[in-house]
């Protein structure tokens, strides 16, 4: 990593959720809680102490994203904030605008949903508005950039629970 690429962003998809309606009320399954816990444990030992100290966590207002964020936040001893613009089908441009204002000097973990998390990650890395990164449940992508804009980020790593079992 070059010295100028010190801003960090983690984009995470919620864990496996029960099917049903209404969509915002769907909860994590037992398997979903387990896969999130594996990623949270891995993240707790992967983050440098300075990253962990500065990290802020934001989740979609949907129940399964909040549950996911709370599991991670418990492992990292951090509070969870709600970010209403990261629900499943929200447009990504307002999220990029938010990142430019809020994440320039503060590392964030955003916990959301497909297709938003895959499209946001792809847009930040590749710049292609049609692109999307396939993200299984509880997958996490770590990005670094000097500025949060389309095509300006580098994918530092990508992990999913199956790799961490």
Protein backbone atom coordinates (compact mmCIF):
# COMPACT_ATOMS: atom_id res chain seq x y z
CA UNK A 1 0.00 0.00 0.00
CA UNK A 2 1.40 3.39 -0.91
CA UNK A 3 1.63 6.02 1.80
CA UNK A 4 -1.07 8.17 0.19
CA UNK A 5 -3.62 5.37 0.25
CA UNK A 6 -4.36 5.54 3.94
CA UNK A 7 -8.13 5.91 3.85
CA UNK A 8 -9.88 2.61 4.43
CA UNK A 9 -13.39 1.40 3.78
CA UNK A 10 -14.89 -2.00 4.49
CA UNK A 11 -18.08 -2.94 2.70
CA UNK A 12 -19.90 -5.96 4.13
CA UNK A 13 -23.02 -7.83 3.14
CA UNK A 14 -25.30 -8.96 5.95
CA UNK A 15 -25.33 -12.61 7.01
CA UNK A 16 -27.81 -15.19 5.76
CA UNK A 17 -31.37 -14.11 6.55
CA UNK A 18 -34.72 -15.85 6.79
CA UNK A 19 -36.96 -15.53 3.73
CA UNK A 20 -40.21 -13.59 3.93
CA UNK A 21 -41.90 -10.25 4.08
CA UNK A 22 -41.75 -7.48 4.91
CA UNK A 23 -38.18 -7.38 3.66
CA UNK A 24 -36.90 -4.77 6.14
CA UNK A 25 -37.92 -7.03 9.06
CA UNK A 26 -36.12 -10.20 7.93
CA UNK A 27 -33.74 -11.51 10.60
CA UNK A 28 -30.50 -13.45 10.48
CA UNK A 29 -30.69 -17.22 10.61
CA UNK A 30 -28.55 -19.18 13.09
CA UNK A 31 -26.21 -19.94 10.18
CA UNK A 32 -26.14 -16.23 9.31
CA UNK A 33 -25.15 -15.29 12.85
CA UNK A 34 -22.42 -17.94 12.76
CA UNK A 35 -20.96 -16.74 9.45
CA UNK A 36 -20.99 -13.11 10.64
CA UNK A 37 -19.27 -14.14 13.88
CA UNK A 38 -16.48 -15.85 11.89
CA UNK A 39 -15.91 -12.70 9.83
CA UNK A 40 -16.10 -10.50 12.94
CA UNK A 41 -13.54 -12.64 14.76
CA UNK A 42 -11.25 -12.56 11.74
CA UNK A 43 -11.64 -8.79 11.39
CA UNK A 44 -10.86 -8.27 15.09
CA UNK A 45 -7.46 -9.93 14.69
CA UNK A 46 -6.78 -8.46 11.23
CA UNK A 47 -7.30 -4.77 11.93
CA UNK A 48 -4.37 -2.83 13.24
CA UNK A 49 -5.05 -1.25 16.66
CA UNK A 50 -5.09 2.25 15.13
CA UNK A 51 -7.61 1.15 12.48
CA UNK A 52 -9.83 -0.47 15.07
CA UNK A 53 -9.67 2.59 17.33
CA UNK A 54 -10.70 4.98 14.55
CA UNK A 55 -13.25 2.72 12.83
CA UNK A 56 -16.89 3.72 12.64
CA UNK A 57 -19.61 1.22 11.77
CA UNK A 58 -22.80 2.05 9.86
CA UNK A 59 -25.61 -0.31 8.94
CA UNK A 60 -28.68 -0.19 6.78
CA UNK A 61 -31.87 0.28 8.81
CA UNK A 62 -33.00 -3.21 7.76
CA UNK A 63 -33.02 -5.66 10.68
CA UNK A 64 -30.60 -8.24 9.22
CA UNK A 65 -27.97 -5.55 8.47
CA UNK A 66 -28.33 -4.14 11.98
CA UNK A 67 -27.94 -7.60 13.49
CA UNK A 68 -24.84 -8.19 11.37
CA UNK A 69 -23.32 -4.84 12.33
CA UNK A 70 -24.05 -5.45 16.01
CA UNK A 71 -22.19 -8.78 15.97
CA UNK A 72 -19.15 -7.11 14.41
CA UNK A 73 -19.44 -4.08 16.68
CA UNK A 74 -19.52 -6.29 19.77
CA UNK A 75 -16.24 -7.96 18.73
CA UNK A 76 -14.63 -4.58 18.04
CA UNK A 77 -16.18 -2.73 21.02
CA UNK A 78 -17.71 -0.10 18.74
CA UNK A 79 -21.19 1.46 18.46
CA UNK A 80 -23.33 1.06 15.35
CA UNK A 81 -24.80 3.97 13.45
CA UNK A 82 -27.71 3.71 11.03
CA UNK A 83 -27.20 4.87 7.45
CA UNK A 84 -30.54 5.00 5.66
CA UNK A 85 -29.08 5.26 2.14
CA UNK A 86 -27.59 1.74 2.01
CA UNK A 87 -30.73 -0.39 1.66
CA UNK A 88 -30.82 -3.05 -1.09
CA UNK A 89 -31.89 -1.03 -4.12
CA UNK A 90 -30.70 2.45 -3.21
CA UNK A 91 -28.69 4.28 -5.89
CA UNK A 92 -24.96 4.30 -5.27
CA UNK A 93 -24.21 7.90 -6.23
CA UNK A 94 -25.56 9.30 -2.93
CA UNK A 95 -23.44 6.74 -1.06
CA UNK A 96 -20.33 7.90 -2.93
CA UNK A 97 -21.25 11.51 -2.11
CA UNK A 98 -21.64 10.51 1.54
CA UNK A 99 -18.24 8.76 1.48
CA UNK A 100 -16.59 11.89 0.07
CA UNK A 101 -17.95 13.89 2.99
CA UNK A 102 -17.73 11.38 5.83
CA UNK A 103 -15.00 8.87 5.00
CA UNK A 104 -12.16 10.98 3.71
CA UNK A 105 -10.20 10.79 6.96
CA UNK A 106 -12.21 8.28 9.01
CA UNK A 107 -12.28 4.53 8.32
CA UNK A 108 -15.79 3.09 7.98
CA UNK A 109 -17.38 -0.34 7.87
CA UNK A 110 -20.66 -0.21 5.93
CA UNK A 111 -23.04 -3.15 6.40
CA UNK A 112 -25.66 -3.42 3.70
CA UNK A 113 -27.29 -5.59 1.09
CA UNK A 114 -26.98 -6.88 -2.43
CA UNK A 115 -27.24 -5.50 -5.01
CA UNK A 116 -26.05 -2.22 -3.44
CA UNK A 117 -22.86 -3.51 -1.78
CA UNK A 118 -21.67 -5.30 -4.92
CA UNK A 119 -22.44 -2.35 -7.17
CA UNK A 120 -20.82 0.16 -4.79
CA UNK A 121 -17.64 -1.89 -4.49
CA UNK A 122 -17.38 -2.34 -8.26
CA UNK A 123 -18.06 1.33 -8.96
CA UNK A 124 -15.41 2.51 -6.52
CA UNK A 125 -12.80 0.08 -7.89
CA UNK A 126 -13.61 -0.22 -11.60
CA UNK A 127 -15.67 2.90 -12.25
CA UNK A 128 -18.12 0.97 -14.45
CA UNK A 129 -21.72 1.89 -13.56
CA UNK A 130 -22.88 -1.51 -14.82
CA UNK A 131 -20.41 -3.52 -12.75
CA UNK A 132 -21.04 -5.51 -9.60
CA UNK A 133 -18.93 -7.67 -7.34
CA UNK A 134 -20.57 -10.96 -6.35
CA UNK A 135 -20.73 -10.92 -2.56
CA UNK A 136 -21.98 -13.97 -0.71
CA UNK A 137 -23.65 -13.44 2.65
CA UNK A 138 -21.30 -11.98 5.29
CA UNK A 139 -18.61 -11.27 2.68
CA UNK A 140 -16.41 -8.24 3.26
CA UNK A 141 -14.40 -6.13 0.84
CA UNK A 142 -11.65 -3.80 2.07
CA UNK A 143 -10.90 -0.77 -0.09
CA UNK A 144 -8.26 1.90 0.03
CA UNK A 145 -8.24 5.21 -1.81
CA UNK A 146 -6.99 8.75 -1.68
CA UNK A 147 -10.47 9.93 -2.66
CA UNK A 148 -13.78 8.07 -2.74
CA UNK A 149 -14.91 8.36 -6.34
CA UNK A 150 -15.73 6.02 -9.20
CA UNK A 151 -12.65 4.08 -10.31
CA UNK A 152 -10.37 5.59 -7.66
CA UNK A 153 -10.21 2.78 -5.09
CA UNK A 154 -8.10 -0.34 -4.86
CA UNK A 155 -9.44 -3.62 -3.54
CA UNK A 156 -7.09 -4.48 -0.66
CA UNK A 157 -8.73 -7.82 0.09
CA UNK A 158 -12.01 -9.72 -0.14
CA UNK A 159 -13.06 -12.40 2.35
CA UNK A 160 -16.14 -14.53 2.87
CA UNK A 161 -17.07 -16.88 5.73
CA UNK A 162 -16.27 -20.03 3.73
CA UNK A 163 -12.61 -19.01 3.65
CA UNK A 164 -12.53 -18.47 7.40
CA UNK A 165 -14.12 -21.72 8.60
